[in-house]
Amino acid sequence: MNSPHPLVSCLCLTRQRPLQLKRAIGSYISQTYRPLELLVLVRDDDPESKAVVLSYGRDDIRLIEFAGQPERSLGELRNLVISHSRGEYFCQWDDDDWYHNER
């Protein structure tokens, strides 16, 4: 079924904070707006965060894994995750913030 609303890509960069990531994913799941996708960018040396993302088993929550070396700036990491987004719009989805369900 096609939605009359544009897809919004929520972009989450995380590193070794699985509890905060679970809370951020919970906030994403509780959003009332649809359609959405959540892209979680995780370094290849962070198995806990990777396991959190994969544990949901949802097509709209996608793991984007990247090599930790060479080091990259925050801007480069944001550009990397944006390059994987499918949405017409995107928003930053910080792993350490709380989000209202109508964000």
PDB file of N, CA and C in Angstrom:
ATOM      1  N   MET A   1       0.836  -1.181   0.000  1.00  0.00           N
ATOM      2  CA  MET A   1       0.000   0.000   0.000  1.00  0.00           C
ATOM      3  C   MET A   1       0.878   1.241   0.000  1.00  0.00           C
ATOM      4  N   ASN A   2       0.642   2.144  -0.905  1.00  0.00           N
ATOM      5  CA  ASN A   2       1.401   3.378  -0.982  1.00  0.00           C
ATOM      6  C   ASN A   2       0.861   4.397  -0.003  1.00  0.00           C
ATOM      7  N   SER A   3       1.779   5.149   0.589  1.00  0.00           N
ATOM      8  CA  SER A   3       1.407   6.183   1.539  1.00  0.00           C
ATOM      9  C   SER A   3       1.312   7.520   0.819  1.00  0.00           C
ATOM     10  N   PRO A   4       0.369   8.375   1.231  1.00  0.00           N
ATOM     11  CA  PRO A   4       0.299   9.717   0.642  1.00  0.00           C
ATOM     12  C   PRO A   4       1.396  10.639   1.189  1.00  0.00           C
ATOM     13  N   HIS A   5       2.150  10.162   2.175  1.00  0.00           N
ATOM     14  CA  HIS A   5       3.189  10.971   2.816  1.00  0.00           C
ATOM     15  C   HIS A   5       4.571  10.546   2.330  1.00  0.00           C
ATOM     16  N   PRO A   6       5.520  11.478   2.292  1.00  0.00           N
ATOM     17  CA  PRO A   6       6.881  11.123   1.867  1.00  0.00           C
ATOM     18  C   PRO A   6       7.609  10.312   2.939  1.00  0.00           C
ATOM     19  N   LEU A   7       8.501   9.434   2.483  1.00  0.00           N
ATOM     20  CA  LEU A   7       9.345   8.662   3.394  1.00  0.00           C
ATOM     21  C   LEU A   7      10.342   9.600   4.068  1.00  0.00           C
ATOM     22  N   VAL A   8      10.468   9.447   5.384  1.00  0.00           N
ATOM     23  CA  VAL A   8      11.450  10.188   6.165  1.00  0.00           C
ATOM     24  C   VAL A   8      12.479   9.191   6.680  1.00  0.00           C
ATOM     25  N   SER A   9      13.744   9.493   6.423  1.00  0.00           N
ATOM     26  CA  SER A   9      14.849   8.662   6.907  1.00  0.00           C
ATOM     27  C   SER A   9      15.379   9.262   8.210  1.00  0.00           C
ATOM     28  N   CYS A  10      15.373   8.461   9.260  1.00  0.00           N
ATOM     29  CA  CYS A  10      15.916   8.867  10.554  1.00  0.00           C
ATOM     30  C   CYS A  10      17.325   8.296  10.650  1.00  0.00           C
ATOM     31  N   LEU A  11      18.308   9.141  10.887  1.00  0.00           N
ATOM     32  CA  LEU A  11      19.713   8.772  10.804  1.00  0.00           C
ATOM     33  C   LEU A  11      20.346   8.761  12.186  1.00  0.00           C
ATOM     34  N   CYS A  12      20.795   7.583  12.608  1.00  0.00           N
ATOM     35  CA  CYS A  12      21.354   7.417  13.950  1.00  0.00           C
ATOM     36  C   CYS A  12      22.798   6.944  13.855  1.00  0.00           C
ATOM     37  N   LEU A  13      23.704   7.722  14.421  1.00  0.00           N
ATOM     38  CA  LEU A  13      25.097   7.329  14.547  1.00  0.00           C
ATOM     39  C   LEU A  13      25.309   6.923  15.996  1.00  0.00           C
ATOM     40  N   THR A  14      25.906   5.763  16.199  1.00  0.00           N
ATOM     41  CA  THR A  14      26.083   5.274  17.569  1.00  0.00           C
ATOM     42  C   THR A  14      27.410   4.566  17.690  1.00  0.00           C
ATOM     43  N   ARG A  15      27.893   4.475  18.906  1.00  0.00           N
ATOM     44  CA  ARG A  15      29.125   3.717  19.166  1.00  0.00           C
ATOM     45  C   ARG A  15      29.160   3.276  20.612  1.00  0.00           C
ATOM     46  N   GLN A  16      29.050   1.980  20.806  1.00  0.00           N
ATOM     47  CA  GLN A  16      29.215   1.327  22.104  1.00  0.00           C
ATOM     48  C   GLN A  16      28.328   1.914  23.195  1.00  0.00           C
ATOM     49  N   ARG A  17      27.072   2.167  22.845  1.00  0.00           N
ATOM     50  CA  ARG A  17      26.087   2.624  23.823  1.00  0.00           C
ATOM     51  C   ARG A  17      24.786   1.857  23.587  1.00  0.00           C
ATOM     52  N   PRO A  18      24.792   0.544  23.779  1.00  0.00           N
ATOM     53  CA  PRO A  18      23.628  -0.265  23.425  1.00  0.00           C
ATOM     54  C   PRO A  18      22.355   0.090  24.201  1.00  0.00           C
ATOM     55  N   LEU A  19      22.470   0.494  25.449  1.00  0.00           N
ATOM     56  CA  LEU A  19      21.266   0.848  26.203  1.00  0.00           C
ATOM     57  C   LEU A  19      20.615   2.105  25.652  1.00  0.00           C
ATOM     58  N   GLN A  20      21.422   3.117  25.337  1.00  0.00           N
ATOM     59  CA  GLN A  20      20.878   4.335  24.747  1.00  0.00           C
ATOM     60  C   GLN A  20      20.305   4.032  23.368  1.00  0.00           C
ATOM     61  N   LEU A  21      20.961   3.164  22.611  1.00  0.00           N
ATOM     62  CA  LEU A  21      20.469   2.798  21.283  1.00  0.00           C
ATOM     63  C   LEU A  21      19.115   2.118  21.380  1.00  0.00           C
ATOM     64  N   LYS A  22      18.930   1.227  22.335  1.00  0.00           N
ATOM     65  CA  LYS A  22      17.621   0.580  22.519  1.00  0.00           C
ATOM     66  C   LYS A  22      16.538   1.612  22.789  1.00  0.00           C
ATOM     67  N   ARG A  23      16.845   2.601  23.629  1.00  0.00           N
ATOM     68  CA  ARG A  23      15.865   3.647  23.934  1.00  0.00           C
ATOM     69  C   ARG A  23      15.543   4.465  22.686  1.00  0.00           C
ATOM     70  N   ALA A  24      16.573   4.791  21.898  1.00  0.00           N
ATOM     71  CA  ALA A  24      16.358   5.565  20.671  1.00  0.00           C
ATOM     72  C   ALA A  24      15.511   4.778  19.673  1.00  0.00           C
ATOM     73  N   ILE A  25      15.769   3.485  19.553  1.00  0.00           N
ATOM     74  CA  ILE A  25      14.964   2.655  18.650  1.00  0.00           C
ATOM     75  C   ILE A  25      13.532   2.557  19.164  1.00  0.00           C
ATOM     76  N   GLY A  26      13.361   2.463  20.469  1.00  0.00           N
ATOM     77  CA  GLY A  26      12.010   2.467  21.038  1.00  0.00           C
ATOM     78  C   GLY A  26      11.260   3.743  20.705  1.00  0.00           C
ATOM     79  N   SER A  27      11.940   4.886  20.762  1.00  0.00           N
ATOM     80  CA  SER A  27      11.313   6.159  20.381  1.00  0.00           C
ATOM     81  C   SER A  27      10.949   6.161  18.906  1.00  0.00           C
ATOM     82  N   TYR A  28      11.809   5.593  18.083  1.00  0.00           N
ATOM     83  CA  TYR A  28      11.511   5.490  16.651  1.00  0.00           C
ATOM     84  C   TYR A  28      10.271   4.627  16.422  1.00  0.00           C
ATOM     85  N   ILE A  29      10.214   3.486  17.054  1.00  0.00           N
ATOM     86  CA  ILE A  29       9.091   2.563  16.864  1.00  0.00           C
ATOM     87  C   ILE A  29       7.770   3.199  17.287  1.00  0.00           C
ATOM     88  N   SER A  30       7.811   4.074  18.290  1.00  0.00           N
ATOM     89  CA  SER A  30       6.571   4.680  18.793  1.00  0.00           C
ATOM     90  C   SER A  30       6.100   5.878  17.979  1.00  0.00           C
ATOM     91  N   GLN A  31       6.821   6.249  16.924  1.00  0.00           N
ATOM     92  CA  GLN A  31       6.421   7.398  16.114  1.00  0.00           C
ATOM     93  C   GLN A  31       5.074   7.156  15.426  1.00  0.00           C
ATOM     94  N   THR A  32       4.254   8.176  15.374  1.00  0.00           N
ATOM     95  CA  THR A  32       2.937   8.062  14.744  1.00  0.00           C
ATOM     96  C   THR A  32       2.988   8.345  13.247  1.00  0.00           C
ATOM     97  N   TYR A  33       4.002   9.075  12.793  1.00  0.00           N
ATOM     98  CA  TYR A  33       4.127   9.390  11.368  1.00  0.00           C
ATOM     99  C   TYR A  33       4.633   8.154  10.624  1.00  0.00           C
ATOM    100  N   ARG A  34       4.092   7.923   9.466  1.00  0.00           N
ATOM    101  CA  ARG A  34       4.570   6.871   8.571  1.00  0.00           C
ATOM    102  C   ARG A  34       4.470   7.404   7.153  1.00  0.00           C
ATOM    103  N   PRO A  35       5.353   7.043   6.262  1.00  0.00           N
ATOM    104  CA  PRO A  35       6.382   6.016   6.369  1.00  0.00           C
ATOM    105  C   PRO A  35       7.705   6.568   6.891  1.00  0.00           C
ATOM    106  N   LEU A  36       8.417   5.722   7.610  1.00  0.00           N
ATOM    107  CA  LEU A  36       9.714   6.047   8.194  1.00  0.00           C
ATOM    108  C   LEU A  36      10.691   4.911   7.946  1.00  0.00           C
ATOM    109  N   GLU A  37      11.949   5.247   8.006  1.00  0.00           N
ATOM    110  CA  GLU A  37      13.003   4.238   8.089  1.00  0.00           C
ATOM    111  C   GLU A  37      14.033   4.762   9.078  1.00  0.00           C
ATOM    112  N   LEU A  38      14.659   3.845   9.805  1.00  0.00           N
ATOM    113  CA  LEU A  38      15.738   4.194  10.722  1.00  0.00           C
ATOM    114  C   LEU A  38      17.008   3.529  10.222  1.00  0.00           C
ATOM    115  N   LEU A  39      18.027   4.331   9.967  1.00  0.00           N
ATOM    116  CA  LEU A  39      19.327   3.826   9.561  1.00  0.00           C
ATOM    117  C   LEU A  39      20.280   4.035  10.724  1.00  0.00           C
ATOM    118  N   VAL A  40      20.892   2.949  11.186  1.00  0.00           N
ATOM    119  CA  VAL A  40      21.790   3.017  12.328  1.00  0.00           C
ATOM    120  C   VAL A  40      23.203   2.733  11.833  1.00  0.00           C
ATOM    121  N   LEU A  41      24.069   3.724  11.947  1.00  0.00           N
ATOM    122  CA  LEU A  41      25.444   3.603  11.509  1.00  0.00           C
ATOM    123  C   LEU A  41      26.285   3.100  12.670  1.00  0.00           C
ATOM    124  N   VAL A  42      26.962   1.952  12.462  1.00  0.00           N
ATOM    125  CA  VAL A  42      27.711   1.278  13.517  1.00  0.00           C
ATOM    126  C   VAL A  42      29.100   0.914  12.997  1.00  0.00           C
ATOM    127  N   ARG A  43      30.128   1.166  13.807  1.00  0.00           N
ATOM    128  CA  ARG A  43      31.488   0.744  13.441  1.00  0.00           C
ATOM    129  C   ARG A  43      31.580  -0.771  13.465  1.00  0.00           C
ATOM    130  N   ASP A  44      32.470  -1.304  12.658  1.00  0.00           N
ATOM    131  CA  ASP A  44      32.645  -2.750  12.572  1.00  0.00           C
ATOM    132  C   ASP A  44      33.197  -3.373  13.855  1.00  0.00           C
ATOM    133  N   ASP A  45      33.724  -2.567  14.775  1.00  0.00           N
ATOM    134  CA  ASP A  45      34.246  -3.081  16.044  1.00  0.00           C
ATOM    135  C   ASP A  45      33.262  -2.884  17.203  1.00  0.00           C
ATOM    136  N   ASP A  46      31.980  -2.824  16.905  1.00  0.00           N
ATOM    137  CA  ASP A  46      30.936  -2.588  17.919  1.00  0.00           C
ATOM    138  C   ASP A  46      29.858  -3.668  17.819  1.00  0.00           C
ATOM    139  N   PRO A  47      30.170  -4.894  18.246  1.00  0.00           N
ATOM    140  CA  PRO A  47      29.199  -5.988  18.098  1.00  0.00           C
ATOM    141  C   PRO A  47      27.930  -5.816  18.937  1.00  0.00           C
ATOM    142  N   GLU A  48      28.007  -5.129  20.080  1.00  0.00           N
ATOM    143  CA  GLU A  48      26.815  -4.949  20.911  1.00  0.00           C
ATOM    144  C   GLU A  48      25.771  -4.089  20.202  1.00  0.00           C
ATOM    145  N   SER A  49      26.210  -2.990  19.611  1.00  0.00           N
ATOM    146  CA  SER A  49      25.262  -2.128  18.897  1.00  0.00           C
ATOM    147  C   SER A  49      24.689  -2.841  17.681  1.00  0.00           C
ATOM    148  N   LYS A  50      25.535  -3.559  16.982  1.00  0.00           N
ATOM    149  CA  LYS A  50      25.072  -4.328  15.822  1.00  0.00           C
ATOM    150  C   LYS A  50      24.011  -5.328  16.245  1.00  0.00           C
ATOM    151  N   ALA A  51      24.236  -6.026  17.351  1.00  0.00           N
ATOM    152  CA  ALA A  51      23.273  -7.015  17.844  1.00  0.00           C
ATOM    153  C   ALA A  51      21.942  -6.365  18.227  1.00  0.00           C
ATOM    154  N   VAL A  52      22.012  -5.173  18.814  1.00  0.00           N
ATOM    155  CA  VAL A  52      20.773  -4.462  19.179  1.00  0.00           C
ATOM    156  C   VAL A  52      19.946  -4.199  17.931  1.00  0.00           C
ATOM    157  N   VAL A  53      20.569  -3.644  16.904  1.00  0.00           N
ATOM    158  CA  VAL A  53      19.840  -3.313  15.676  1.00  0.00           C
ATOM    159  C   VAL A  53      19.234  -4.570  15.063  1.00  0.00           C
ATOM    160  N   LEU A  54      20.018  -5.616  14.941  1.00  0.00           N
ATOM    161  CA  LEU A  54      19.552  -6.843  14.298  1.00  0.00           C
ATOM    162  C   LEU A  54      18.479  -7.560  15.112  1.00  0.00           C
ATOM    163  N   SER A  55      18.458  -7.343  16.420  1.00  0.00           N
ATOM    164  CA  SER A  55      17.481  -8.032  17.273  1.00  0.00           C
ATOM    165  C   SER A  55      16.038  -7.633  16.967  1.00  0.00           C
ATOM    166  N   TYR A  56      15.832  -6.479  16.364  1.00  0.00           N
ATOM    167  CA  TYR A  56      14.473  -6.032  16.052  1.00  0.00           C
ATOM    168  C   TYR A  56      13.900  -6.742  14.831  1.00  0.00           C
ATOM    169  N   GLY A  57      14.755  -7.174  13.929  1.00  0.00           N
ATOM    170  CA  GLY A  57      14.296  -7.922  12.758  1.00  0.00           C
ATOM    171  C   GLY A  57      13.263  -7.192  11.918  1.00  0.00           C
ATOM    172  N   ARG A  58      13.432  -5.904  11.773  1.00  0.00           N
ATOM    173  CA  ARG A  58      12.468  -5.091  11.022  1.00  0.00           C
ATOM    174  C   ARG A  58      13.118  -4.549   9.751  1.00  0.00           C
ATOM    175  N   ASP A  59      12.363  -4.560   8.668  1.00  0.00           N
ATOM    176  CA  ASP A  59      12.866  -4.038   7.397  1.00  0.00           C
ATOM    177  C   ASP A  59      13.064  -2.528   7.420  1.00  0.00           C
ATOM    178  N   ASP A  60      12.325  -1.832   8.279  1.00  0.00           N
ATOM    179  CA  ASP A  60      12.435  -0.374   8.328  1.00  0.00           C
ATOM    180  C   ASP A  60      13.546   0.098   9.267  1.00  0.00           C
ATOM    181  N   ILE A  61      14.219  -0.827   9.940  1.00  0.00           N
ATOM    182  CA  ILE A  61      15.370  -0.498  10.781  1.00  0.00           C
ATOM    183  C   ILE A  61      16.578  -1.177  10.148  1.00  0.00           C
ATOM    184  N   ARG A  62      17.454  -0.347   9.575  1.00  0.00           N
ATOM    185  CA  ARG A  62      18.569  -0.903   8.802  1.00  0.00           C
ATOM    186  C   ARG A  62      19.912  -0.592   9.458  1.00  0.00           C
ATOM    187  N   LEU A  63      20.736  -1.605   9.518  1.00  0.00           N
ATOM    188  CA  LEU A  63      22.097  -1.486  10.015  1.00  0.00           C
ATOM    189  C   LEU A  63      23.009  -1.083   8.859  1.00  0.00           C
ATOM    190  N   ILE A  64      23.791  -0.032   9.072  1.00  0.00           N
ATOM    191  CA  ILE A  64      24.816   0.386   8.121  1.00  0.00           C
ATOM    192  C   ILE A  64      26.134   0.250   8.877  1.00  0.00           C
ATOM    193  N   GLU A  65      26.939  -0.719   8.480  1.00  0.00           N
ATOM    194  CA  GLU A  65      28.200  -0.982   9.159  1.00  0.00           C
ATOM    195  C   GLU A  65      29.343  -0.371   8.353  1.00  0.00           C
ATOM    196  N   PHE A  66      30.350   0.187   9.057  1.00  0.00           N
ATOM    197  CA  PHE A  66      31.474   0.787   8.365  1.00  0.00           C
ATOM    198  C   PHE A  66      32.772   0.453   9.094  1.00  0.00           C
ATOM    199  N   ALA A  67      33.865   0.469   8.353  1.00  0.00           N
ATOM    200  CA  ALA A  67      35.189   0.197   8.918  1.00  0.00           C
ATOM    201  C   ALA A  67      35.624   1.372   9.791  1.00  0.00           C
ATOM    202  N   GLY A  68      36.111   1.053  10.974  1.00  0.00           N
ATOM    203  CA  GLY A  68      36.526   2.088  11.920  1.00  0.00           C
ATOM    204  C   GLY A  68      37.818   2.798  11.530  1.00  0.00           C
ATOM    205  N   GLN A  69      38.565   2.195  10.646  1.00  0.00           N
ATOM    206  CA  GLN A  69      39.820   2.803  10.198  1.00  0.00           C
ATOM    207  C   GLN A  69      39.760   3.038   8.702  1.00  0.00           C
ATOM    208  N   PRO A  70      40.156   4.133   8.195  1.00  0.00           N
ATOM    209  CA  PRO A  70      40.711   5.272   8.922  1.00  0.00           C
ATOM    210  C   PRO A  70      39.618   6.017   9.691  1.00  0.00           C
ATOM    211  N   GLU A  71      40.043   6.789  10.677  1.00  0.00           N
ATOM    212  CA  GLU A  71      39.098   7.614  11.437  1.00  0.00           C
ATOM    213  C   GLU A  71      38.398   8.587  10.489  1.00  0.00           C
ATOM    214  N   ARG A  72      37.126   8.846  10.778  1.00  0.00           N
ATOM    215  CA  ARG A  72      36.349   9.789   9.962  1.00  0.00           C
ATOM    216  C   ARG A  72      35.729  10.848  10.853  1.00  0.00           C
ATOM    217  N   SER A  73      35.523  12.014  10.288  1.00  0.00           N
ATOM    218  CA  SER A  73      34.896  13.093  11.044  1.00  0.00           C
ATOM    219  C   SER A  73      33.397  12.825  11.173  1.00  0.00           C
ATOM    220  N   LEU A  74      32.762  13.525  12.089  1.00  0.00           N
ATOM    221  CA  LEU A  74      31.320  13.413  12.264  1.00  0.00           C
ATOM    222  C   LEU A  74      30.588  13.754  10.967  1.00  0.00           C
ATOM    223  N   GLY A  75      31.031  14.769  10.287  1.00  0.00           N
ATOM    224  CA  GLY A  75      30.420  15.156   9.013  1.00  0.00           C
ATOM    225  C   GLY A  75      30.535  14.047   7.977  1.00  0.00           C
ATOM    226  N   GLU A  76      31.704  13.405   7.904  1.00  0.00           N
ATOM    227  CA  GLU A  76      31.882  12.297   6.960  1.00  0.00           C
ATOM    228  C   GLU A  76      30.956  11.132   7.300  1.00  0.00           C
ATOM    229  N   LEU A  77      30.793  10.856   8.589  1.00  0.00           N
ATOM    230  CA  LEU A  77      29.903   9.766   9.004  1.00  0.00           C
ATOM    231  C   LEU A  77      28.450  10.091   8.676  1.00  0.00           C
ATOM    232  N   ARG A  78      28.057  11.325   8.889  1.00  0.00           N
ATOM    233  CA  ARG A  78      26.686  11.723   8.534  1.00  0.00           C
ATOM    234  C   ARG A  78      26.463  11.613   7.032  1.00  0.00           C
ATOM    235  N   ASN A  79      27.429  12.026   6.251  1.00  0.00           N
ATOM    236  CA  ASN A  79      27.306  11.896   4.796  1.00  0.00           C
ATOM    237  C   ASN A  79      27.217  10.435   4.383  1.00  0.00           C
ATOM    238  N   LEU A  80      27.959   9.577   5.064  1.00  0.00           N
ATOM    239  CA  LEU A  80      27.921   8.152   4.757  1.00  0.00           C
ATOM    240  C   LEU A  80      26.527   7.578   4.990  1.00  0.00           C
ATOM    241  N   VAL A  81      25.937   7.871   6.128  1.00  0.00           N
ATOM    242  CA  VAL A  81      24.608   7.318   6.406  1.00  0.00           C
ATOM    243  C   VAL A  81      23.546   7.955   5.499  1.00  0.00           C
ATOM    244  N   ILE A  82      23.694   9.231   5.181  1.00  0.00           N
ATOM    245  CA  ILE A  82      22.763   9.879   4.255  1.00  0.00           C
ATOM    246  C   ILE A  82      22.805   9.189   2.896  1.00  0.00           C
ATOM    247  N   SER A  83      23.980   8.761   2.481  1.00  0.00           N
ATOM    248  CA  SER A  83      24.101   8.106   1.171  1.00  0.00           C
ATOM    249  C   SER A  83      23.335   6.786   1.097  1.00  0.00           C
ATOM    250  N   HIS A  84      22.988   6.223   2.236  1.00  0.00           N
ATOM    251  CA  HIS A  84      22.214   4.976   2.278  1.00  0.00           C
ATOM    252  C   HIS A  84      20.720   5.214   2.475  1.00  0.00           C
ATOM    253  N   SER A  85      20.340   6.458   2.733  1.00  0.00           N
ATOM    254  CA  SER A  85      18.930   6.742   3.018  1.00  0.00           C
ATOM    255  C   SER A  85      18.097   6.693   1.744  1.00  0.00           C
ATOM    256  N   ARG A  86      16.845   6.345   1.918  1.00  0.00           N
ATOM    257  CA  ARG A  86      15.906   6.254   0.799  1.00  0.00           C
ATOM    258  C   ARG A  86      14.838   7.338   0.854  1.00  0.00           C
ATOM    259  N   GLY A  87      14.818   8.084   1.944  1.00  0.00           N
ATOM    260  CA  GLY A  87      13.749   9.047   2.168  1.00  0.00           C
ATOM    261  C   GLY A  87      13.871  10.312   1.353  1.00  0.00           C
ATOM    262  N   GLU A  88      12.737  10.947   1.189  1.00  0.00           N
ATOM    263  CA  GLU A  88      12.701  12.258   0.555  1.00  0.00           C
ATOM    264  C   GLU A  88      13.240  13.315   1.516  1.00  0.00           C
ATOM    265  N   TYR A  89      13.050  13.069   2.804  1.00  0.00           N
ATOM    266  CA  TYR A  89      13.541  13.927   3.871  1.00  0.00           C
ATOM    267  C   TYR A  89      14.314  13.061   4.850  1.00  0.00           C
ATOM    268  N   PHE A  90      15.187  13.692   5.627  1.00  0.00           N
ATOM    269  CA  PHE A  90      15.875  12.958   6.674  1.00  0.00           C
ATOM    270  C   PHE A  90      16.015  13.836   7.902  1.00  0.00           C
ATOM    271  N   CYS A  91      16.207  13.169   9.047  1.00  0.00           N
ATOM    272  CA  CYS A  91      16.433  13.877  10.300  1.00  0.00           C
ATOM    273  C   CYS A  91      17.473  13.110  11.103  1.00  0.00           C
ATOM    274  N   GLN A  92      18.209  13.849  11.922  1.00  0.00           N
ATOM    275  CA  GLN A  92      19.188  13.240  12.808  1.00  0.00           C
ATOM    276  C   GLN A  92      18.442  12.584  13.960  1.00  0.00           C
ATOM    277  N   TRP A  93      18.818  11.356  14.316  1.00  0.00           N
ATOM    278  CA  TRP A  93      18.175  10.594  15.383  1.00  0.00           C
ATOM    279  C   TRP A  93      19.259  10.192  16.378  1.00  0.00           C
ATOM    280  N   ASP A  94      19.582  11.090  17.306  1.00  0.00           N
ATOM    281  CA  ASP A  94      20.669  10.833  18.249  1.00  0.00           C
ATOM    282  C   ASP A  94      20.322   9.693  19.193  1.00  0.00           C
ATOM    283  N   ASP A  95      21.323   8.874  19.502  1.00  0.00           N
ATOM    284  CA  ASP A  95      21.078   7.722  20.363  1.00  0.00           C
ATOM    285  C   ASP A  95      20.923   8.101  21.832  1.00  0.00           C
ATOM    286  N   ASP A  96      21.274   9.316  22.198  1.00  0.00           N
ATOM    287  CA  ASP A  96      21.195   9.715  23.603  1.00  0.00           C
ATOM    288  C   ASP A  96      20.098  10.753  23.877  1.00  0.00           C
ATOM    289  N   ASP A  97      19.158  10.889  22.949  1.00  0.00           N
ATOM    290  CA  ASP A  97      18.053  11.839  23.130  1.00  0.00           C
ATOM    291  C   ASP A  97      16.722  11.104  23.242  1.00  0.00           C
ATOM    292  N   TRP A  98      15.773  11.774  23.868  1.00  0.00           N
ATOM    293  CA  TRP A  98      14.393  11.283  23.941  1.00  0.00           C
ATOM    294  C   TRP A  98      13.600  11.985  22.847  1.00  0.00           C
ATOM    295  N   TYR A  99      12.663  11.272  22.226  1.00  0.00           N
ATOM    296  CA  TYR A  99      11.866  11.857  21.151  1.00  0.00           C
ATOM    297  C   TYR A  99      10.386  11.639  21.410  1.00  0.00           C
ATOM    298  N   HIS A 100       9.631  12.700  21.262  1.00  0.00           N
ATOM    299  CA  HIS A 100       8.174  12.617  21.368  1.00  0.00           C
ATOM    300  C   HIS A 100       7.654  11.726  20.241  1.00  0.00           C
ATOM    301  N   ASN A 101       6.563  11.007  20.473  1.00  0.00           N
ATOM    302  CA  ASN A 101       6.057  10.073  19.463  1.00  0.00           C
ATOM    303  C   ASN A 101       5.456  10.768  18.238  1.00  0.00           C
ATOM    304  N   GLU A 102       5.336  12.077  18.261  1.00  0.00           N
ATOM    305  CA  GLU A 102       4.845  12.813  17.095  1.00  0.00           C
ATOM    306  C   GLU A 102       5.946  13.701  16.519  1.00  0.00           C
ATOM    307  N   ARG A 103       7.160  13.299  16.699  1.00  0.00           N
ATOM    308  CA  ARG A 103       8.277  14.092  16.171  1.00  0.00           C
ATOM    309  C   ARG A 103       8.162  14.186  14.681  1.00  0.00           C
TER     310      ARG A 103
END
